[in-house]
């Protein structure tokens, strides 16, 4: 197996430590709607994004990466569809110019991020850019564009969430514990950061419509907010309880 490595990892870490987007990028961001979905694994982010892109005026933002394409589900990843597979030096040069919305070193072996180029493509086509982001990217997006629409996507309940991801694959107790730990962090951050708008993904059509009403018409009722927050709090309580149970069995 070929080991992927970064030739310029120290330089990447240095430029990303206090990274700020360029003034030109800030002007672009200020001129458009931007939507980012975050949430627990298995919450259906990709399904919701694909639905919005297919049925409405949304543009899926494809990330840039330094790593080569991989074989996924028997198919080789496609440049410009799964990622833009770029040379390390080219991505580093763009980061130095402030031409990324966000970027990060992943597993100490690759850099991936959201290029401003992709947001410009969305604007040129009069579409709303929508992307999937983890918490680090979300923070960068919020700092660069405080009025970005940041969606915290939730399954309808803890029980449905467990059924969804256990139904996709067999996992060990240790893997289950690791996912619960990650979910604990994600849910805590979504509940404690004011810029998250929580939306429940029960039926993809209904979820997409809730996101559209919020993004395109700024409609998000207090009743909906309280309902979604209650689901997130209940999920967090049950995740914490399950983590405690597993720790008592010395799974961790």
C-alpha atoms as a PDB file:
ATOM      1  CA  UNK A   1       0.000   0.000   0.000  1.00  0.00           C
ATOM      2  CA  UNK A   2       1.334   3.430  -0.975  1.00  0.00           C
ATOM      3  CA  UNK A   3       1.768   5.749   1.995  1.00  0.00           C
ATOM      4  CA  UNK A   4       0.422   9.224   1.284  1.00  0.00           C
ATOM      5  CA  UNK A   5       2.476  12.033   2.760  1.00  0.00           C
ATOM      6  CA  UNK A   6       2.730  15.798   2.592  1.00  0.00           C
ATOM      7  CA  UNK A   7       6.072  17.178   1.451  1.00  0.00           C
ATOM      8  CA  UNK A   8       5.238  20.586   2.910  1.00  0.00           C
ATOM      9  CA  UNK A   9       3.315  19.670   6.045  1.00  0.00           C
ATOM     10  CA  UNK A  10       5.160  22.156   8.281  1.00  0.00           C
ATOM     11  CA  UNK A  11       4.501  25.005   5.853  1.00  0.00           C
ATOM     12  CA  UNK A  12       0.839  24.048   5.587  1.00  0.00           C
ATOM     13  CA  UNK A  13       0.489  24.050   9.369  1.00  0.00           C
ATOM     14  CA  UNK A  14       2.195  27.433   9.564  1.00  0.00           C
ATOM     15  CA  UNK A  15      -0.037  29.180   6.999  1.00  0.00           C
ATOM     16  CA  UNK A  16      -3.213  27.570   8.359  1.00  0.00           C
ATOM     17  CA  UNK A  17      -2.503  28.432  11.997  1.00  0.00           C
ATOM     18  CA  UNK A  18      -3.829  31.987  11.677  1.00  0.00           C
ATOM     19  CA  UNK A  19      -5.494  31.668   8.297  1.00  0.00           C
ATOM     20  CA  UNK A  20      -7.683  34.471   6.977  1.00  0.00           C
ATOM     21  CA  UNK A  21      -9.448  34.666   3.651  1.00  0.00           C
ATOM     22  CA  UNK A  22      -8.467  37.444   1.258  1.00  0.00           C
ATOM     23  CA  UNK A  23     -10.372  40.736   1.043  1.00  0.00           C
ATOM     24  CA  UNK A  24     -11.493  39.737  -2.446  1.00  0.00           C
ATOM     25  CA  UNK A  25     -12.893  36.495  -1.065  1.00  0.00           C
ATOM     26  CA  UNK A  26     -14.679  38.379   1.720  1.00  0.00           C
ATOM     27  CA  UNK A  27     -16.344  40.627  -0.870  1.00  0.00           C
ATOM     28  CA  UNK A  28     -17.547  37.572  -2.764  1.00  0.00           C
ATOM     29  CA  UNK A  29     -18.863  35.956   0.424  1.00  0.00           C
ATOM     30  CA  UNK A  30     -20.694  39.144   1.387  1.00  0.00           C
ATOM     31  CA  UNK A  31     -22.507  39.180  -1.946  1.00  0.00           C
ATOM     32  CA  UNK A  32     -24.128  35.758  -1.743  1.00  0.00           C
ATOM     33  CA  UNK A  33     -26.012  33.195   0.321  1.00  0.00           C
ATOM     34  CA  UNK A  34     -23.799  30.379   1.630  1.00  0.00           C
ATOM     35  CA  UNK A  35     -25.108  27.182   3.224  1.00  0.00           C
ATOM     36  CA  UNK A  36     -23.144  24.611   5.225  1.00  0.00           C
ATOM     37  CA  UNK A  37     -24.494  21.385   6.722  1.00  0.00           C
ATOM     38  CA  UNK A  38     -22.886  19.776   9.732  1.00  0.00           C
ATOM     39  CA  UNK A  39     -24.036  17.062  12.099  1.00  0.00           C
ATOM     40  CA  UNK A  40     -23.556  13.539  13.414  1.00  0.00           C
ATOM     41  CA  UNK A  41     -22.359  10.816  11.041  1.00  0.00           C
ATOM     42  CA  UNK A  42     -25.354   8.985   9.653  1.00  0.00           C
ATOM     43  CA  UNK A  43     -27.575  12.054   9.880  1.00  0.00           C
ATOM     44  CA  UNK A  44     -28.126  12.132   6.123  1.00  0.00           C
ATOM     45  CA  UNK A  45     -26.174  15.232   5.125  1.00  0.00           C
ATOM     46  CA  UNK A  46     -25.225  13.965   1.681  1.00  0.00           C
ATOM     47  CA  UNK A  47     -28.763  12.764   0.977  1.00  0.00           C
ATOM     48  CA  UNK A  48     -30.229  16.172   1.826  1.00  0.00           C
ATOM     49  CA  UNK A  49     -27.597  18.060  -0.164  1.00  0.00           C
ATOM     50  CA  UNK A  50     -28.095  15.830  -3.208  1.00  0.00           C
ATOM     51  CA  UNK A  51     -31.862  16.369  -3.015  1.00  0.00           C
ATOM     52  CA  UNK A  52     -31.513  20.164  -2.880  1.00  0.00           C
ATOM     53  CA  UNK A  53     -29.035  20.172  -5.768  1.00  0.00           C
ATOM     54  CA  UNK A  54     -31.222  17.897  -7.889  1.00  0.00           C
ATOM     55  CA  UNK A  55     -34.561  19.615  -7.266  1.00  0.00           C
ATOM     56  CA  UNK A  56     -33.728  23.267  -6.532  1.00  0.00           C
ATOM     57  CA  UNK A  57     -31.278  26.045  -7.295  1.00  0.00           C
ATOM     58  CA  UNK A  58     -28.329  24.815  -5.239  1.00  0.00           C
ATOM     59  CA  UNK A  59     -24.724  24.165  -6.214  1.00  0.00           C
ATOM     60  CA  UNK A  60     -22.790  21.435  -4.412  1.00  0.00           C
ATOM     61  CA  UNK A  61     -19.389  22.798  -3.451  1.00  0.00           C
ATOM     62  CA  UNK A  62     -16.713  20.239  -4.340  1.00  0.00           C
ATOM     63  CA  UNK A  63     -13.656  20.343  -2.070  1.00  0.00           C
ATOM     64  CA  UNK A  64     -10.015  20.466  -3.178  1.00  0.00           C
ATOM     65  CA  UNK A  65      -7.555  17.878  -1.875  1.00  0.00           C
ATOM     66  CA  UNK A  66      -3.884  17.016  -2.176  1.00  0.00           C
ATOM     67  CA  UNK A  67      -4.486  13.259  -2.070  1.00  0.00           C
ATOM     68  CA  UNK A  68      -4.880  11.104  -5.184  1.00  0.00           C
ATOM     69  CA  UNK A  69      -8.238   9.564  -6.162  1.00  0.00           C
ATOM     70  CA  UNK A  70      -9.359   6.442  -4.298  1.00  0.00           C
ATOM     71  CA  UNK A  71     -11.422   3.434  -5.243  1.00  0.00           C
ATOM     72  CA  UNK A  72     -14.796   3.858  -3.513  1.00  0.00           C
ATOM     73  CA  UNK A  73     -17.596   1.299  -3.761  1.00  0.00           C
ATOM     74  CA  UNK A  74     -15.850  -0.322  -6.727  1.00  0.00           C
ATOM     75  CA  UNK A  75     -15.498   2.955  -8.631  1.00  0.00           C
ATOM     76  CA  UNK A  76     -12.558   5.305  -8.919  1.00  0.00           C
ATOM     77  CA  UNK A  77     -13.250   8.812  -7.650  1.00  0.00           C
ATOM     78  CA  UNK A  78     -13.707  11.406 -10.393  1.00  0.00           C
ATOM     79  CA  UNK A  79     -11.939  14.749 -10.520  1.00  0.00           C
ATOM     80  CA  UNK A  80     -14.423  17.605 -10.183  1.00  0.00           C
ATOM     81  CA  UNK A  81     -17.158  15.293  -8.892  1.00  0.00           C
ATOM     82  CA  UNK A  82     -15.863  13.767  -5.666  1.00  0.00           C
ATOM     83  CA  UNK A  83     -12.964  16.203  -5.200  1.00  0.00           C
ATOM     84  CA  UNK A  84     -10.672  18.405  -7.202  1.00  0.00           C
ATOM     85  CA  UNK A  85      -7.419  16.450  -7.004  1.00  0.00           C
ATOM     86  CA  UNK A  86      -4.681  19.072  -7.129  1.00  0.00           C
ATOM     87  CA  UNK A  87      -0.937  19.345  -6.737  1.00  0.00           C
ATOM     88  CA  UNK A  88       0.244  20.104  -3.233  1.00  0.00           C
ATOM     89  CA  UNK A  89       2.186  23.203  -4.311  1.00  0.00           C
ATOM     90  CA  UNK A  90      -0.853  24.679  -6.122  1.00  0.00           C
ATOM     91  CA  UNK A  91      -3.087  24.312  -3.064  1.00  0.00           C
ATOM     92  CA  UNK A  92      -0.383  25.740  -0.791  1.00  0.00           C
ATOM     93  CA  UNK A  93       0.022  28.767  -3.093  1.00  0.00           C
ATOM     94  CA  UNK A  94      -3.744  29.368  -3.095  1.00  0.00           C
ATOM     95  CA  UNK A  95      -3.923  29.146   0.694  1.00  0.00           C
ATOM     96  CA  UNK A  96      -1.137  31.722   0.972  1.00  0.00           C
ATOM     97  CA  UNK A  97      -3.235  34.024  -1.244  1.00  0.00           C
ATOM     98  CA  UNK A  98      -6.288  33.598   1.009  1.00  0.00           C
ATOM     99  CA  UNK A  99      -8.135  31.871  -1.829  1.00  0.00           C
ATOM    100  CA  UNK A 100      -9.727  29.170   0.350  1.00  0.00           C
ATOM    101  CA  UNK A 101     -12.777  29.515   2.532  1.00  0.00           C
ATOM    102  CA  UNK A 102     -11.283  26.914   4.871  1.00  0.00           C
ATOM    103  CA  UNK A 103      -8.666  24.173   4.729  1.00  0.00           C
ATOM    104  CA  UNK A 104      -7.114  21.730   7.154  1.00  0.00           C
ATOM    105  CA  UNK A 105      -4.445  19.067   7.442  1.00  0.00           C
ATOM    106  CA  UNK A 106      -6.145  15.666   7.728  1.00  0.00           C
ATOM    107  CA  UNK A 107      -4.505  12.623   9.336  1.00  0.00           C
ATOM    108  CA  UNK A 108      -1.123  14.333   8.912  1.00  0.00           C
ATOM    109  CA  UNK A 109      -1.064  13.172   5.295  1.00  0.00           C
ATOM    110  CA  UNK A 110      -3.303  15.373   3.187  1.00  0.00           C
ATOM    111  CA  UNK A 111      -4.811  18.844   2.983  1.00  0.00           C
ATOM    112  CA  UNK A 112      -8.427  19.334   1.940  1.00  0.00           C
ATOM    113  CA  UNK A 113     -10.526  22.467   1.843  1.00  0.00           C
ATOM    114  CA  UNK A 114     -13.090  24.686   0.164  1.00  0.00           C
ATOM    115  CA  UNK A 115     -11.742  26.911  -2.588  1.00  0.00           C
ATOM    116  CA  UNK A 116     -13.254  30.337  -3.183  1.00  0.00           C
ATOM    117  CA  UNK A 117     -13.175  29.327  -6.857  1.00  0.00           C
ATOM    118  CA  UNK A 118     -16.095  26.963  -6.212  1.00  0.00           C
ATOM    119  CA  UNK A 119     -18.144  29.707  -4.571  1.00  0.00           C
ATOM    120  CA  UNK A 120     -17.496  31.934  -7.585  1.00  0.00           C
ATOM    121  CA  UNK A 121     -18.772  29.142  -9.845  1.00  0.00           C
ATOM    122  CA  UNK A 122     -21.995  29.018  -7.839  1.00  0.00           C
ATOM    123  CA  UNK A 123     -22.456  32.776  -8.088  1.00  0.00           C
ATOM    124  CA  UNK A 124     -21.747  32.801 -11.826  1.00  0.00           C
ATOM    125  CA  UNK A 125     -24.502  30.229 -12.299  1.00  0.00           C
ATOM    126  CA  UNK A 126     -26.891  32.158  -9.999  1.00  0.00           C
ATOM    127  CA  UNK A 127     -27.066  29.223  -7.593  1.00  0.00           C
ATOM    128  CA  UNK A 128     -26.783  28.941  -3.829  1.00  0.00           C
ATOM    129  CA  UNK A 129     -23.594  27.131  -2.762  1.00  0.00           C
ATOM    130  CA  UNK A 130     -24.162  24.311  -0.299  1.00  0.00           C
ATOM    131  CA  UNK A 131     -21.490  22.206   1.355  1.00  0.00           C
ATOM    132  CA  UNK A 132     -20.870  19.620   4.028  1.00  0.00           C
ATOM    133  CA  UNK A 133     -18.463  20.712   6.777  1.00  0.00           C
ATOM    134  CA  UNK A 134     -16.989  19.498  10.016  1.00  0.00           C
ATOM    135  CA  UNK A 135     -16.739  21.799  13.016  1.00  0.00           C
ATOM    136  CA  UNK A 136     -13.311  23.271  12.191  1.00  0.00           C
ATOM    137  CA  UNK A 137     -14.523  24.383   8.784  1.00  0.00           C
ATOM    138  CA  UNK A 138     -17.767  25.686  10.273  1.00  0.00           C
ATOM    139  CA  UNK A 139     -15.830  27.971  12.621  1.00  0.00           C
ATOM    140  CA  UNK A 140     -13.776  29.325   9.741  1.00  0.00           C
ATOM    141  CA  UNK A 141     -16.908  29.914   7.673  1.00  0.00           C
ATOM    142  CA  UNK A 142     -18.622  31.750  10.522  1.00  0.00           C
ATOM    143  CA  UNK A 143     -15.568  33.962  11.073  1.00  0.00           C
ATOM    144  CA  UNK A 144     -15.352  34.814   7.376  1.00  0.00           C
ATOM    145  CA  UNK A 145     -19.120  35.238   6.899  1.00  0.00           C
ATOM    146  CA  UNK A 146     -21.085  35.668  10.142  1.00  0.00           C
ATOM    147  CA  UNK A 147     -24.419  35.596   8.292  1.00  0.00           C
ATOM    148  CA  UNK A 148     -23.761  32.246   6.595  1.00  0.00           C
ATOM    149  CA  UNK A 149     -26.576  29.729   6.974  1.00  0.00           C
ATOM    150  CA  UNK A 150     -25.079  27.016   9.161  1.00  0.00           C
ATOM    151  CA  UNK A 151     -27.376  24.010   9.536  1.00  0.00           C
ATOM    152  CA  UNK A 152     -26.980  21.424  12.285  1.00  0.00           C
ATOM    153  CA  UNK A 153     -28.671  18.344  10.829  1.00  0.00           C
ATOM    154  CA  UNK A 154     -30.264  15.891  13.255  1.00  0.00           C
ATOM    155  CA  UNK A 155     -31.856  12.460  12.888  1.00  0.00           C
ATOM    156  CA  UNK A 156     -35.423  12.325  14.268  1.00  0.00           C
ATOM    157  CA  UNK A 157     -34.306  10.503  17.420  1.00  0.00           C
ATOM    158  CA  UNK A 158     -31.409   8.693  19.053  1.00  0.00           C
ATOM    159  CA  UNK A 159     -33.111   5.355  18.359  1.00  0.00           C
ATOM    160  CA  UNK A 160     -33.550   6.073  14.639  1.00  0.00           C
ATOM    161  CA  UNK A 161     -29.941   7.262  14.428  1.00  0.00           C
ATOM    162  CA  UNK A 162     -28.636   4.033  16.002  1.00  0.00           C
ATOM    163  CA  UNK A 163     -30.794   1.941  13.655  1.00  0.00           C
ATOM    164  CA  UNK A 164     -29.554   3.878  10.616  1.00  0.00           C
ATOM    165  CA  UNK A 165     -25.849   3.471  11.079  1.00  0.00           C
ATOM    166  CA  UNK A 166     -25.988  -0.040  12.562  1.00  0.00           C
ATOM    167  CA  UNK A 167     -28.021  -1.046   9.517  1.00  0.00           C
ATOM    168  CA  UNK A 168     -25.345   0.184   7.125  1.00  0.00           C
ATOM    169  CA  UNK A 169     -22.474  -1.965   8.405  1.00  0.00           C
ATOM    170  CA  UNK A 170     -21.325  -4.199  11.220  1.00  0.00           C
ATOM    171  CA  UNK A 171     -19.228  -2.374  13.797  1.00  0.00           C
ATOM    172  CA  UNK A 172     -17.340  -3.482  16.891  1.00  0.00           C
ATOM    173  CA  UNK A 173     -18.052  -2.164  20.381  1.00  0.00           C
ATOM    174  CA  UNK A 174     -14.889  -0.072  20.126  1.00  0.00           C
ATOM    175  CA  UNK A 175     -16.006   1.457  16.824  1.00  0.00           C
ATOM    176  CA  UNK A 176     -19.430   2.133  18.337  1.00  0.00           C
ATOM    177  CA  UNK A 177     -17.800   3.807  21.314  1.00  0.00           C
ATOM    178  CA  UNK A 178     -15.660   5.988  19.016  1.00  0.00           C
ATOM    179  CA  UNK A 179     -18.721   7.110  17.045  1.00  0.00           C
ATOM    180  CA  UNK A 180     -20.559   7.938  20.240  1.00  0.00           C
ATOM    181  CA  UNK A 181     -17.621  10.062  21.388  1.00  0.00           C
ATOM    182  CA  UNK A 182     -17.664  11.974  18.120  1.00  0.00           C
ATOM    183  CA  UNK A 183     -21.443  12.410  18.308  1.00  0.00           C
ATOM    184  CA  UNK A 184     -21.084  13.742  21.852  1.00  0.00           C
ATOM    185  CA  UNK A 185     -18.695  16.433  20.628  1.00  0.00           C
ATOM    186  CA  UNK A 186     -20.827  17.314  17.600  1.00  0.00           C
ATOM    187  CA  UNK A 187     -24.095  17.575  19.547  1.00  0.00           C
ATOM    188  CA  UNK A 188     -22.474  19.613  22.326  1.00  0.00           C
ATOM    189  CA  UNK A 189     -21.067  22.074  19.798  1.00  0.00           C
ATOM    190  CA  UNK A 190     -24.352  22.406  17.923  1.00  0.00           C
ATOM    191  CA  UNK A 191     -26.207  23.122  21.163  1.00  0.00           C
ATOM    192  CA  UNK A 192     -23.647  25.574  22.545  1.00  0.00           C
ATOM    193  CA  UNK A 193     -22.905  27.676  19.446  1.00  0.00           C
ATOM    194  CA  UNK A 194     -25.581  30.235  18.601  1.00  0.00           C
ATOM    195  CA  UNK A 195     -24.887  30.285  14.876  1.00  0.00           C
ATOM    196  CA  UNK A 196     -26.204  26.739  14.357  1.00  0.00           C
ATOM    197  CA  UNK A 197     -29.774  26.389  13.123  1.00  0.00           C
ATOM    198  CA  UNK A 198     -31.004  22.899  13.982  1.00  0.00           C
ATOM    199  CA  UNK A 199     -33.085  20.943  11.468  1.00  0.00           C
ATOM    200  CA  UNK A 200     -34.390  17.370  11.789  1.00  0.00           C
ATOM    201  CA  UNK A 201     -33.967  14.985   8.869  1.00  0.00           C
ATOM    202  CA  UNK A 202     -36.937  12.633   9.102  1.00  0.00           C
ATOM    203  CA  UNK A 203     -38.178  12.692   5.506  1.00  0.00           C
ATOM    204  CA  UNK A 204     -35.674  14.166   3.077  1.00  0.00           C
ATOM    205  CA  UNK A 205     -38.356  16.164   1.208  1.00  0.00           C
ATOM    206  CA  UNK A 206     -39.591  17.820   4.399  1.00  0.00           C
ATOM    207  CA  UNK A 207     -36.064  18.465   5.634  1.00  0.00           C
ATOM    208  CA  UNK A 208     -35.055  20.071   2.337  1.00  0.00           C
ATOM    209  CA  UNK A 209     -38.121  22.300   2.442  1.00  0.00           C
ATOM    210  CA  UNK A 210     -37.329  23.443   6.002  1.00  0.00           C
ATOM    211  CA  UNK A 211     -33.806  24.336   4.897  1.00  0.00           C
ATOM    212  CA  UNK A 212     -35.133  26.222   1.855  1.00  0.00           C
ATOM    213  CA  UNK A 213     -37.555  28.251   3.960  1.00  0.00           C
ATOM    214  CA  UNK A 214     -34.759  29.222   6.323  1.00  0.00           C
ATOM    215  CA  UNK A 215     -32.132  29.959   3.671  1.00  0.00           C
ATOM    216  CA  UNK A 216     -34.315  31.608   1.039  1.00  0.00           C
ATOM    217  CA  UNK A 217     -36.999  33.270   3.184  1.00  0.00           C
ATOM    218  CA  UNK A 218     -35.416  33.516   6.663  1.00  0.00           C
ATOM    219  CA  UNK A 219     -38.319  31.534   8.118  1.00  0.00           C
ATOM    220  CA  UNK A 220     -37.575  29.478  11.219  1.00  0.00           C
ATOM    221  CA  UNK A 221     -40.188  29.512  13.964  1.00  0.00           C
ATOM    222  CA  UNK A 222     -39.550  29.399  17.706  1.00  0.00           C
ATOM    223  CA  UNK A 223     -41.709  26.282  17.847  1.00  0.00           C
ATOM    224  CA  UNK A 224     -39.466  24.524  15.316  1.00  0.00           C
ATOM    225  CA  UNK A 225     -36.344  25.720  17.102  1.00  0.00           C
ATOM    226  CA  UNK A 226     -37.563  24.391  20.447  1.00  0.00           C
ATOM    227  CA  UNK A 227     -38.597  21.048  18.923  1.00  0.00           C
ATOM    228  CA  UNK A 228     -35.224  20.538  17.224  1.00  0.00           C
ATOM    229  CA  UNK A 229     -33.294  21.607  20.289  1.00  0.00           C
ATOM    230  CA  UNK A 230     -35.240  19.160  22.451  1.00  0.00           C
ATOM    231  CA  UNK A 231     -34.336  16.325  20.055  1.00  0.00           C
ATOM    232  CA  UNK A 232     -30.656  17.316  20.160  1.00  0.00           C
ATOM    233  CA  UNK A 233     -30.671  17.487  23.959  1.00  0.00           C
ATOM    234  CA  UNK A 234     -32.371  14.108  24.229  1.00  0.00           C
ATOM    235  CA  UNK A 235     -29.840  12.593  21.827  1.00  0.00           C
ATOM    236  CA  UNK A 236     -26.953  14.023  23.825  1.00  0.00           C
ATOM    237  CA  UNK A 237     -28.371  12.660  27.086  1.00  0.00           C
ATOM    238  CA  UNK A 238     -28.701   9.177  25.586  1.00  0.00           C
ATOM    239  CA  UNK A 239     -25.253   9.305  23.975  1.00  0.00           C
ATOM    240  CA  UNK A 240     -23.757  10.247  27.355  1.00  0.00           C
ATOM    241  CA  UNK A 241     -25.636   7.423  29.074  1.00  0.00           C
ATOM    242  CA  UNK A 242     -24.461   4.876  26.514  1.00  0.00           C
ATOM    243  CA  UNK A 243     -20.870   6.078  26.776  1.00  0.00           C
ATOM    244  CA  UNK A 244     -21.040   5.647  30.545  1.00  0.00           C
ATOM    245  CA  UNK A 245     -22.430   2.132  30.121  1.00  0.00           C
ATOM    246  CA  UNK A 246     -19.695   1.125  27.677  1.00  0.00           C
ATOM    247  CA  UNK A 247     -16.989   2.644  29.863  1.00  0.00           C
ATOM    248  CA  UNK A 248     -18.228   0.602  32.806  1.00  0.00           C
ATOM    249  CA  UNK A 249     -17.683  -2.500  30.650  1.00  0.00           C
ATOM    250  CA  UNK A 250     -14.141  -1.293  29.869  1.00  0.00           C
ATOM    251  CA  UNK A 251     -14.882  -0.975  26.151  1.00  0.00           C
ATOM    252  CA  UNK A 252     -12.964   2.303  25.912  1.00  0.00           C
END
